Amino acid sequence: MSTPERAPERADPEPLRDLPAGFRVYPKSMSAHPSAAPISDTRVCVTGASGFIAAHIVRDLLARGYRVRGTVRDPDRKADLTFLTALPGAAERLELVKGDLLDAKGWDAAVAGCEYVMHTASPYQVDVEDPQRDLVEPAVRGTRHVLDACLWAGVKRVILTSSMAAITDEPDNRHVLTEADWNTKSTLDRNPYYFSKVLAEREAWKMVKEEKAPFELVVINPFMVIGPSLSAGRNTSTQLFVDLARGAYPGILSLTWGFVDVRDVSEAHVRAMETPSASGRYLCAGERLSMRDVLRVMREVGVRGKLPTLGLDNAAGTALVKLLSWFQPKGAGSYLRSHLGRVPAYDNGKIRRELGLEFRPARNCVLDTIEDLRQRGLIQVS
């Protein structure tokens, strides 16, 4: 597999000035890699290029000298896509084309001439009107459409963005999760978003096996993805912080997540593409933080709003919230019942050994997320 020569790493740029102590956020226009990376003829297709993770992948690929073809729902809405078209190298090496997960048309053209495909596009919503229509169908059919096109396009490797949702929907600290684990509990009624991720990833592996695909499939399974967004819009991944600041939670719940910075997730995808020996699934998660931990950081840096103070992260509080969860929308309710009081245990050794990935500290990821949301006016910091 041909890849451009990797440019040498450089030291982090200076942090922005006049931020609360502990912040380390950099200007969004600043590339994470040297702009002098050698230009390659290698073309990479990134599906759902305007997404939270995908936009970072596009930026990192351009910074490494690749040519990128990104799919978006409507490439004619140029004003909504300037955060991509303004990236360094985009004018010369980024092409945006239409790609609809539910429509097979256009995918052959989208992947034509591409040596690699990053399939990141998939719906991400906890509560929807019709889980089959709104989550499962686009996730599974979209995977089929993209991989079908890759079968005939001469693609060498597909990197699929899956999720920890495909590994478990009910973490148990007595069992250390690895790439060998699969979520077998989710259904259309129980954590339907998780169900869609399971079905989409299983469909990918099934197609590769049954179609004797000429390309390699590598899967990245991130946990709770946070960090700075390249687009101005909201995203589901970091909505947690906005909701906490706006008093959407009745108290401090017994919820714990494995956090991973979106920039590390992007790096994982690119390394999975560039590393010839990469194979199988990669659990992508750094350190764990509880809701209480997150709130502590938010208070330390002066986030204003209606941050919860009532401690419900105990046995009695968990029992009460589980009872009240039956009065919540179905998706949120099933999530609470399957996650309250549970602390995930997982082994990220494979991705660190095989791809050489090191994760940013979770506290730094939270700080960068807060500052990004502050800059975009979604939360206020004293």
Protein backbone atom coordinates (compact mmCIF):
# COMPACT_ATOMS: atom_id res chain seq x y z
CA MET A 1 0.00 0.00 0.00
CA SER A 2 1.51 3.30 -1.06
CA THR A 3 1.52 6.12 1.44
CA PRO A 4 3.35 9.44 1.41
CA GLU A 5 6.40 9.69 3.61
CA ARG A 6 5.36 10.72 7.10
CA ALA A 7 6.57 14.19 7.99
CA PRO A 8 8.45 14.57 11.30
CA GLU A 9 6.43 15.42 14.38
CA ARG A 10 6.65 18.92 15.72
CA ALA A 11 6.11 20.37 19.16
CA ASP A 12 2.65 21.57 20.12
CA PRO A 13 2.01 25.22 19.26
CA GLU A 14 1.58 27.80 21.98
CA PRO A 15 -1.82 27.67 23.71
CA LEU A 16 -4.25 30.52 23.22
CA ARG A 17 -3.86 33.29 25.76
CA ASP A 18 -6.26 34.55 28.45
CA LEU A 19 -7.98 31.22 29.13
CA PRO A 20 -8.79 29.73 32.54
CA ALA A 21 -5.95 27.76 34.10
CA GLY A 22 -5.55 24.31 32.62
CA PHE A 23 -6.92 25.02 29.16
CA ARG A 24 -4.88 23.91 26.18
CA VAL A 25 -6.93 24.63 23.06
CA TYR A 26 -5.41 25.69 19.77
CA PRO A 27 -6.82 27.70 16.88
CA LYS A 28 -9.07 25.52 14.69
CA SER A 29 -7.34 26.75 11.54
CA MET A 30 -4.01 25.43 12.77
CA SER A 31 -3.14 22.07 11.23
CA ALA A 32 -2.20 19.25 13.57
CA HIS A 33 0.62 18.34 11.16
CA PRO A 34 3.27 20.27 9.24
CA SER A 35 1.91 21.95 6.12
CA ALA A 36 5.00 20.85 4.22
CA ALA A 37 3.97 17.18 4.11
CA PRO A 38 4.86 15.71 0.69
CA ILE A 39 1.94 15.58 -1.73
CA SER A 40 0.75 12.12 -2.72
CA ASP A 41 -1.29 10.85 -5.65
CA THR A 42 -3.08 8.54 -3.21
CA ARG A 43 -6.78 9.36 -2.97
CA VAL A 44 -8.88 8.58 0.10
CA CYS A 45 -12.68 8.64 0.25
CA VAL A 46 -14.20 9.82 3.55
CA THR A 47 -17.93 9.20 3.86
CA GLY A 48 -19.98 11.66 5.89
CA ALA A 49 -17.12 14.14 5.61
CA SER A 50 -18.93 16.90 7.50
CA GLY A 51 -19.35 14.76 10.62
CA PHE A 52 -17.62 15.37 13.94
CA ILE A 53 -15.01 12.62 13.53
CA ALA A 54 -14.87 12.68 9.73
CA ALA A 55 -13.99 16.38 9.51
CA HIS A 56 -10.90 15.77 11.64
CA ILE A 57 -9.97 12.81 9.44
CA VAL A 58 -10.26 15.02 6.36
CA ARG A 59 -8.03 17.64 7.97
CA ASP A 60 -5.42 15.07 9.02
CA LEU A 61 -5.37 13.41 5.61
CA LEU A 62 -4.88 16.74 3.86
CA ALA A 63 -2.13 17.64 6.30
CA ARG A 64 -0.37 14.38 5.45
CA GLY A 65 -0.49 15.18 1.75
CA TYR A 66 -3.31 12.89 0.61
CA ARG A 67 -5.99 13.73 -1.94
CA VAL A 68 -9.43 13.45 -0.35
CA ARG A 69 -12.87 12.86 -1.76
CA GLY A 70 -15.51 13.49 0.90
CA THR A 71 -19.17 12.58 0.64
CA VAL A 72 -21.81 14.91 2.08
CA ARG A 73 -25.58 15.04 1.85
CA ASP A 74 -25.66 18.18 -0.26
CA PRO A 75 -22.38 19.45 -1.74
CA ASP A 76 -24.20 22.44 -3.22
CA ARG A 77 -24.71 23.98 0.24
CA LYS A 78 -21.25 25.47 0.06
CA ALA A 79 -21.81 27.98 2.88
CA ASP A 80 -22.37 25.09 5.31
CA LEU A 81 -19.18 23.35 4.23
CA THR A 82 -16.64 26.18 4.48
CA PHE A 83 -15.12 24.59 7.60
CA LEU A 84 -13.97 21.82 5.24
CA THR A 85 -13.18 23.78 2.10
CA ALA A 86 -11.11 26.29 4.11
CA LEU A 87 -8.81 23.61 5.53
CA PRO A 88 -5.13 23.86 4.52
CA GLY A 89 -4.69 21.97 1.25
CA ALA A 90 -8.44 21.70 0.59
CA ALA A 91 -8.46 24.02 -2.41
CA GLU A 92 -6.03 21.75 -4.25
CA ARG A 93 -6.79 18.31 -2.85
CA LEU A 94 -10.35 18.11 -1.45
CA GLU A 95 -13.36 17.17 -3.55
CA LEU A 96 -16.87 17.03 -2.04
CA VAL A 97 -19.51 14.84 -3.70
CA LYS A 98 -23.04 13.74 -2.85
CA GLY A 99 -23.53 10.55 -0.85
CA ASP A 100 -26.85 9.32 0.56
CA LEU A 101 -26.69 6.28 2.84
CA LEU A 102 -30.14 5.12 1.72
CA ASP A 103 -29.46 5.51 -1.99
CA ALA A 104 -27.09 3.16 -3.82
CA LYS A 105 -26.61 5.72 -6.60
CA GLY A 106 -23.43 7.70 -6.55
CA TRP A 107 -21.31 5.41 -4.39
CA ASP A 108 -19.48 3.82 -7.32
CA ALA A 109 -18.39 7.28 -8.43
CA ALA A 110 -17.57 8.33 -4.86
CA VAL A 111 -15.02 5.56 -4.32
CA ALA A 112 -13.73 5.34 -7.91
CA GLY A 113 -9.97 5.84 -8.03
CA CYS A 114 -9.60 5.69 -4.24
CA GLU A 115 -7.06 3.34 -2.68
CA TYR A 116 -8.61 3.74 0.76
CA VAL A 117 -12.11 4.40 2.08
CA MET A 118 -12.94 5.76 5.53
CA HIS A 119 -16.58 4.86 6.13
CA THR A 120 -17.62 7.12 9.01
CA ALA A 121 -21.15 8.07 7.93
CA SER A 122 -23.87 6.73 10.21
CA PRO A 123 -26.77 8.31 12.14
CA TYR A 124 -26.02 9.16 15.78
CA GLN A 125 -29.16 9.78 17.82
CA VAL A 126 -30.37 8.21 21.04
CA ASP A 127 -34.05 9.02 20.63
CA VAL A 128 -35.78 8.73 17.26
CA GLU A 129 -39.36 8.35 16.11
CA ASP A 130 -38.79 5.05 14.28
CA PRO A 131 -35.57 3.17 15.23
CA GLN A 132 -35.75 0.81 12.25
CA ARG A 133 -36.23 3.61 9.74
CA ASP A 134 -34.10 6.29 11.38
CA LEU A 135 -31.18 4.25 12.75
CA VAL A 136 -30.95 0.68 11.51
CA GLU A 137 -31.83 1.23 7.85
CA PRO A 138 -29.35 4.04 7.12
CA ALA A 139 -26.58 2.39 9.17
CA VAL A 140 -26.88 -1.07 7.60
CA ARG A 141 -27.90 -0.08 4.07
CA GLY A 142 -25.27 2.64 4.00
CA THR A 143 -22.60 0.10 4.93
CA ARG A 144 -23.81 -2.23 2.19
CA HIS A 145 -23.83 0.52 -0.43
CA VAL A 146 -20.32 1.73 0.41
CA LEU A 147 -18.76 -1.73 0.62
CA ASP A 148 -20.56 -2.89 -2.53
CA ALA A 149 -18.96 0.00 -4.39
CA CYS A 150 -15.57 -0.84 -2.90
CA LEU A 151 -15.77 -4.42 -4.22
CA TRP A 152 -15.32 -3.23 -7.80
CA ALA A 153 -13.30 -0.05 -7.37
CA GLY A 154 -9.85 -1.46 -6.62
CA VAL A 155 -9.95 -0.20 -3.03
CA LYS A 156 -7.11 -1.66 -0.96
CA ARG A 157 -8.44 -1.08 2.55
CA VAL A 158 -11.65 0.13 4.19
CA ILE A 159 -11.54 1.71 7.65
CA LEU A 160 -14.98 1.47 9.25
CA THR A 161 -15.99 3.74 12.13
CA SER A 162 -17.95 1.53 14.49
CA SER A 163 -18.39 2.13 18.22
CA MET A 164 -18.06 0.71 21.70
CA ALA A 165 -21.81 0.33 21.25
CA ALA A 166 -21.01 -2.68 19.07
CA ILE A 167 -18.93 -4.16 21.89
CA THR A 168 -21.33 -3.74 24.83
CA ASP A 169 -24.45 -1.89 25.90
CA GLU A 170 -24.21 -2.88 29.56
CA PRO A 171 -20.65 -2.48 30.88
CA ASP A 172 -19.61 -4.61 33.84
CA ASN A 173 -16.41 -3.85 35.73
CA ARG A 174 -16.03 -7.56 36.48
CA HIS A 175 -15.38 -8.17 32.78
CA VAL A 176 -12.59 -6.38 30.92
CA LEU A 177 -13.82 -5.60 27.43
CA THR A 178 -11.60 -6.31 24.42
CA GLU A 179 -11.97 -6.44 20.66
CA ALA A 180 -13.30 -10.01 21.03
CA ASP A 181 -16.50 -8.80 22.74
CA TRP A 182 -19.77 -8.16 20.92
CA ASN A 183 -22.92 -6.46 22.14
CA THR A 184 -25.60 -9.17 22.10
CA LYS A 185 -28.25 -7.43 24.21
CA SER A 186 -29.39 -4.41 22.19
CA THR A 187 -32.62 -4.55 20.19
CA LEU A 188 -34.95 -2.07 18.50
CA ASP A 189 -36.54 -1.51 21.92
CA ARG A 190 -33.39 -1.62 24.03
CA ASN A 191 -30.71 0.93 23.10
CA PRO A 192 -31.67 1.07 19.39
CA TYR A 193 -28.68 3.26 18.48
CA TYR A 194 -26.40 0.58 19.91
CA PHE A 195 -28.35 -2.02 17.94
CA SER A 196 -27.74 -0.11 14.70
CA LYS A 197 -23.99 -0.04 15.32
CA VAL A 198 -23.90 -3.78 16.01
CA LEU A 199 -25.83 -4.61 12.84
CA ALA A 200 -23.79 -2.25 10.66
CA GLU A 201 -20.44 -3.64 11.81
CA ARG A 202 -21.60 -7.25 11.58
CA GLU A 203 -22.88 -6.54 8.06
CA ALA A 204 -19.45 -5.24 7.09
CA TRP A 205 -17.63 -8.32 8.35
CA LYS A 206 -20.26 -10.58 6.74
CA MET A 207 -19.88 -8.89 3.36
CA VAL A 208 -16.09 -9.12 3.47
CA LYS A 209 -16.31 -12.86 4.19
CA GLU A 210 -19.16 -13.82 1.88
CA GLU A 211 -18.12 -11.65 -1.06
CA LYS A 212 -14.45 -12.63 -0.67
CA ALA A 213 -13.71 -8.93 -0.77
CA PRO A 214 -10.44 -7.93 -2.47
CA PHE A 215 -9.93 -5.19 0.12
CA GLU A 216 -8.95 -5.38 3.79
CA LEU A 217 -11.38 -4.23 6.48
CA VAL A 218 -10.19 -2.55 9.66
CA VAL A 219 -12.65 -1.30 12.29
CA ILE A 220 -12.24 1.45 14.89
CA ASN A 221 -14.51 1.19 17.97
CA PRO A 222 -14.40 4.50 19.88
CA PHE A 223 -16.03 5.09 23.26
CA MET A 224 -17.34 8.56 24.27
CA VAL A 225 -15.83 10.92 21.69
CA ILE A 226 -15.32 14.52 22.83
CA GLY A 227 -12.98 17.38 21.98
CA PRO A 228 -13.05 20.44 19.73
CA SER A 229 -15.34 20.45 16.70
CA LEU A 230 -14.27 21.83 13.33
CA SER A 231 -17.84 22.77 12.39
CA ALA A 232 -19.97 25.47 14.00
CA GLY A 233 -23.00 23.28 14.57
CA ARG A 234 -23.88 21.17 17.58
CA ASN A 235 -23.01 17.52 17.75
CA THR A 236 -24.45 14.70 19.81
CA SER A 237 -21.07 13.70 21.22
CA THR A 238 -20.48 16.90 23.19
CA GLN A 239 -24.11 17.71 23.96
CA LEU A 240 -23.55 16.13 27.38
CA PHE A 241 -21.63 19.23 28.50
CA VAL A 242 -24.29 21.61 27.23
CA ASP A 243 -27.02 19.60 28.95
CA LEU A 244 -25.10 19.55 32.23
CA ALA A 245 -24.68 23.33 32.10
CA ARG A 246 -28.37 23.87 31.35
CA GLY A 247 -29.71 21.75 34.19
CA ALA A 248 -31.04 18.91 32.06
CA TYR A 249 -30.09 16.36 34.72
CA PRO A 250 -31.95 16.14 38.07
CA GLY A 251 -28.73 15.42 39.92
CA ILE A 252 -25.30 13.85 39.69
CA LEU A 253 -26.00 10.44 38.20
CA SER A 254 -23.98 7.26 38.60
CA LEU A 255 -22.71 7.27 35.01
CA THR A 256 -19.12 6.62 33.95
CA TRP A 257 -17.67 6.87 30.44
CA GLY A 258 -14.46 5.98 28.70
CA PHE A 259 -13.47 9.24 27.02
CA VAL A 260 -11.45 9.66 23.85
CA ASP A 261 -10.52 12.87 22.07
CA VAL A 262 -11.82 13.26 18.52
CA ARG A 263 -8.27 14.10 17.40
CA ASP A 264 -7.06 10.76 18.75
CA VAL A 265 -9.93 8.97 17.00
CA SER A 266 -8.96 10.64 13.74
CA GLU A 267 -5.33 9.68 14.25
CA ALA A 268 -6.43 6.08 14.90
CA HIS A 269 -8.23 5.98 11.55
CA VAL A 270 -5.27 7.36 9.63
CA ARG A 271 -2.81 5.03 11.33
CA ALA A 272 -5.12 2.07 10.66
CA MET A 273 -4.94 3.07 7.00
CA GLU A 274 -1.19 3.67 6.89
CA THR A 275 -0.04 0.67 8.96
CA PRO A 276 0.25 -2.36 6.63
CA SER A 277 -0.11 -4.85 9.51
CA ALA A 278 -3.28 -3.27 10.93
CA SER A 279 -6.13 -5.78 11.08
CA GLY A 280 -9.42 -6.54 12.79
CA ARG A 281 -11.06 -4.29 15.37
CA TYR A 282 -9.48 -1.62 17.57
CA LEU A 283 -11.03 -0.54 20.83
CA CYS A 284 -10.41 3.20 20.97
CA ALA A 285 -10.81 4.66 24.46
CA GLY A 286 -8.61 6.48 26.93
CA GLU A 287 -9.31 7.17 30.58
CA ARG A 288 -12.61 6.83 32.43
CA LEU A 289 -14.44 9.71 34.07
CA SER A 290 -17.69 9.71 35.99
CA MET A 291 -20.34 12.43 35.73
CA ARG A 292 -19.10 13.70 39.09
CA ASP A 293 -15.55 13.90 37.69
CA VAL A 294 -16.75 15.86 34.65
CA LEU A 295 -18.75 18.26 36.81
CA ARG A 296 -15.76 18.83 39.06
CA VAL A 297 -13.70 19.99 36.06
CA MET A 298 -16.58 22.16 34.79
CA ARG A 299 -16.82 23.89 38.16
CA GLU A 300 -13.07 24.32 38.46
CA VAL A 301 -12.94 26.36 35.25
CA GLY A 302 -16.05 28.39 36.07
CA VAL A 303 -18.74 26.96 33.80
CA ARG A 304 -21.91 28.91 34.54
CA GLY A 305 -25.43 27.60 34.49
CA LYS A 306 -27.51 25.07 36.37
CA LEU A 307 -24.92 22.40 37.06
CA PRO A 308 -26.51 19.58 39.11
CA THR A 309 -25.54 19.35 42.76
CA LEU A 310 -27.86 16.69 44.18
CA GLY A 311 -25.90 13.49 44.65
CA LEU A 312 -27.78 10.64 43.01
CA ASP A 313 -24.64 8.60 42.33
CA ASN A 314 -25.37 6.11 45.08
CA ALA A 315 -27.51 2.99 45.46
CA ALA A 316 -30.67 4.85 46.47
CA GLY A 317 -30.23 7.52 43.82
CA THR A 318 -29.58 4.96 41.10
CA ALA A 319 -32.72 3.02 42.06
CA LEU A 320 -34.77 6.23 41.95
CA VAL A 321 -33.41 7.34 38.58
CA LYS A 322 -34.01 3.89 37.09
CA LEU A 323 -37.61 4.11 38.23
CA LEU A 324 -37.99 7.59 36.73
CA SER A 325 -36.33 6.42 33.51
CA TRP A 326 -39.57 4.69 32.50
CA PHE A 327 -41.08 8.16 32.06
CA GLN A 328 -38.26 9.30 29.75
CA PRO A 329 -38.20 8.90 25.94
CA LYS A 330 -37.57 5.26 25.05
CA GLY A 331 -33.97 5.68 23.91
CA ALA A 332 -32.86 7.72 26.92
CA GLY A 333 -34.75 5.45 29.29
CA SER A 334 -33.17 2.25 28.05
CA TYR A 335 -29.73 3.86 28.12
CA LEU A 336 -30.13 4.88 31.76
CA ARG A 337 -31.39 1.47 32.86
CA SER A 338 -28.47 -0.32 31.20
CA HIS A 339 -25.71 2.09 32.27
CA LEU A 340 -26.55 3.56 35.67
CA GLY A 341 -24.27 2.27 38.39
CA ARG A 342 -22.00 0.47 35.92
CA VAL A 343 -18.32 1.26 35.48
CA PRO A 344 -16.81 0.10 32.17
CA ALA A 345 -13.57 -1.87 32.20
CA TYR A 346 -11.68 -2.21 28.95
CA ASP A 347 -8.27 -2.99 27.51
CA ASN A 348 -6.92 -0.54 24.92
CA GLY A 349 -3.62 -2.40 24.61
CA LYS A 350 -4.14 -3.55 21.01
CA ILE A 351 -4.47 -0.07 19.51
CA ARG A 352 -1.51 1.17 21.52
CA ARG A 353 0.72 -1.74 20.55
CA GLU A 354 -0.22 -2.16 16.90
CA LEU A 355 -0.92 1.44 15.88
CA GLY A 356 1.31 3.19 18.40
CA LEU A 357 -1.57 5.38 19.54
CA GLU A 358 -1.28 7.25 22.84
CA PHE A 359 -4.40 8.90 24.24
CA ARG A 360 -4.69 12.45 25.53
CA PRO A 361 -5.50 12.62 29.27
CA ALA A 362 -9.27 12.64 29.79
CA ARG A 363 -9.13 15.84 31.86
CA ASN A 364 -7.41 17.67 28.99
CA CYS A 365 -10.06 16.39 26.58
CA VAL A 366 -12.79 17.75 28.85
CA LEU A 367 -11.03 21.11 29.15
CA ASP A 368 -10.64 21.42 25.38
CA THR A 369 -14.29 20.48 24.89
CA ILE A 370 -15.44 23.13 27.36
CA GLU A 371 -13.35 25.81 25.72
CA ASP A 372 -14.59 24.83 22.26
CA LEU A 373 -18.21 25.04 23.42
CA ARG A 374 -17.46 28.41 25.06
CA GLN A 375 -15.98 29.78 21.85
CA ARG A 376 -19.09 28.71 19.96
CA GLY A 377 -21.43 30.30 22.53
CA LEU A 378 -23.00 27.04 23.70
CA ILE A 379 -21.87 27.37 27.29
CA GLN A 380 -20.65 30.27 29.43
CA VAL A 381 -17.47 30.34 31.48
CA SER A 382 -16.76 32.95 34.14
